[in-house]
Amino acid sequence: ASVPEEYLQSTAGQATAHAPPPPPPGPPTAVVRMRGLPYTCSIEDVVAFFRGFDIIENGVLFGSDRIGRASGEAWVTFTSPDQAERAVATLNKRHIGNRYIDLLLAHR
């Protein structure tokens, strides 16, 4: 794949590619990204963390690195964008075990 000319910059006679700027965020979705999870975190731990909020069935997906180890991230799908927004506003920086958890709304 070629890099658009506007993203090439000359450095001492060598061209280097720069990624294009990210697109502006689209409308919020019902998905929340969790960062900072303990590597031993389970689905039950995530569901307990979000007690009082409505997660869809099979709505917790854990991230893993390229060899399959836990990455400390998860994506949680709620029943509505409003549920996701309220969860982030209420629970961001709360702890699971001794780790604080960053919560971010996913955008399209």
Protein backbone atom coordinates (compact mmCIF):
# COMPACT_ATOMS: atom_id res chain seq x y z
CA ALA A 1 0.00 0.00 0.00
CA SER A 2 1.32 3.42 -0.84
CA VAL A 3 1.45 6.33 1.57
CA PRO A 4 -0.24 9.54 0.40
CA GLU A 5 2.29 12.20 -0.56
CA GLU A 6 1.05 14.65 2.10
CA TYR A 7 2.16 12.20 4.82
CA LEU A 8 5.73 11.85 3.57
CA GLN A 9 8.40 14.00 5.12
CA SER A 10 12.02 14.20 4.04
CA THR A 11 14.58 13.58 6.78
CA ALA A 12 18.22 13.94 5.68
CA GLY A 13 17.33 12.79 2.20
CA GLN A 14 15.20 9.85 3.38
CA ALA A 15 11.43 9.83 3.12
CA THR A 16 9.59 8.78 6.27
CA ALA A 17 5.90 7.99 6.46
CA HIS A 18 3.60 9.58 9.02
CA ALA A 19 0.19 8.21 9.79
CA PRO A 20 -2.71 10.39 8.73
CA PRO A 21 -4.55 12.13 11.56
CA PRO A 22 -7.29 10.01 13.11
CA PRO A 23 -10.82 10.74 11.96
CA PRO A 24 -12.98 12.74 14.36
CA PRO A 25 -14.93 10.52 16.74
CA GLY A 26 -18.33 9.46 15.50
CA PRO A 27 -21.41 9.04 17.62
CA PRO A 28 -20.95 7.14 20.87
CA THR A 29 -21.71 3.46 20.92
CA ALA A 30 -22.82 1.23 23.76
CA VAL A 31 -19.24 -0.09 24.11
CA VAL A 32 -16.83 0.83 26.89
CA ARG A 33 -13.12 0.07 26.71
CA MET A 34 -11.52 -0.92 30.01
CA ARG A 35 -7.77 -0.46 30.51
CA GLY A 36 -5.60 -1.47 33.45
CA LEU A 37 -7.33 -4.73 34.30
CA PRO A 38 -5.48 -7.28 36.41
CA TYR A 39 -4.23 -10.02 34.10
CA THR A 40 -6.25 -12.54 36.13
CA CYS A 41 -9.52 -10.60 35.72
CA SER A 42 -12.55 -12.75 34.87
CA ILE A 43 -15.89 -12.07 33.22
CA GLU A 44 -17.46 -12.35 36.67
CA ASP A 45 -15.10 -9.62 37.97
CA VAL A 46 -16.12 -7.30 35.11
CA VAL A 47 -19.84 -7.99 35.61
CA ALA A 48 -19.46 -7.31 39.35
CA PHE A 49 -17.58 -4.05 38.59
CA PHE A 50 -20.53 -2.88 36.47
CA ARG A 51 -23.21 -4.08 38.93
CA GLY A 52 -26.32 -1.94 38.44
CA PHE A 53 -25.66 -1.41 34.72
CA ASP A 54 -27.10 -3.48 31.88
CA ILE A 55 -24.53 -5.48 29.88
CA ILE A 56 -25.76 -7.48 26.89
CA GLU A 57 -25.43 -11.26 26.94
CA ASN A 58 -21.87 -12.29 26.00
CA GLY A 59 -21.00 -8.58 26.11
CA VAL A 60 -17.51 -8.84 27.66
CA LEU A 61 -14.53 -9.31 25.36
CA PHE A 62 -10.99 -9.48 26.76
CA GLY A 63 -7.97 -8.31 24.82
CA SER A 64 -4.87 -10.44 24.37
CA ASP A 65 -1.38 -9.95 23.01
CA ARG A 66 -0.08 -11.68 19.90
CA ILE A 67 0.71 -14.89 21.80
CA GLY A 68 -2.61 -15.04 23.61
CA ARG A 69 -1.75 -13.57 27.01
CA ALA A 70 -4.17 -11.14 28.69
CA SER A 71 -3.48 -7.54 27.68
CA GLY A 72 -5.22 -5.88 30.63
CA GLU A 73 -7.96 -4.53 28.35
CA ALA A 74 -11.58 -5.46 27.78
CA TRP A 75 -14.51 -4.16 25.77
CA VAL A 76 -17.93 -4.25 27.39
CA THR A 77 -21.16 -3.80 25.43
CA PHE A 78 -24.10 -2.29 27.28
CA THR A 79 -27.75 -2.30 26.27
CA SER A 80 -27.61 1.38 25.23
CA PRO A 81 -25.16 4.27 24.74
CA ASP A 82 -26.78 5.94 27.77
CA GLN A 83 -25.89 2.94 29.96
CA ALA A 84 -22.29 3.07 28.67
CA GLU A 85 -22.00 6.82 29.29
CA ARG A 86 -23.39 6.51 32.83
CA ALA A 87 -21.03 3.62 33.60
CA VAL A 88 -18.00 5.67 32.52
CA ALA A 89 -19.17 8.76 34.44
CA THR A 90 -19.80 6.72 37.58
CA LEU A 91 -16.99 4.14 37.60
CA ASN A 92 -13.96 5.61 35.79
CA LYS A 93 -10.80 5.24 37.95
CA ARG A 94 -12.51 2.83 40.38
CA HIS A 95 -10.53 -0.25 41.37
CA ILE A 96 -10.62 -3.95 40.63
CA GLY A 97 -8.31 -5.45 43.22
CA ASN A 98 -5.46 -3.00 43.72
CA ARG A 99 -5.59 -1.60 40.16
CA TYR A 100 -7.53 1.45 39.07
CA ILE A 101 -9.43 0.99 35.84
CA ASP A 102 -9.59 3.52 32.99
CA LEU A 103 -12.94 3.54 31.22
CA LEU A 104 -13.33 5.06 27.76
CA LEU A 105 -16.38 5.31 25.54
CA ALA A 106 -15.88 3.65 22.18
CA HIS A 107 -16.87 5.66 19.09
CA ARG A 108 -17.75 4.56 15.58
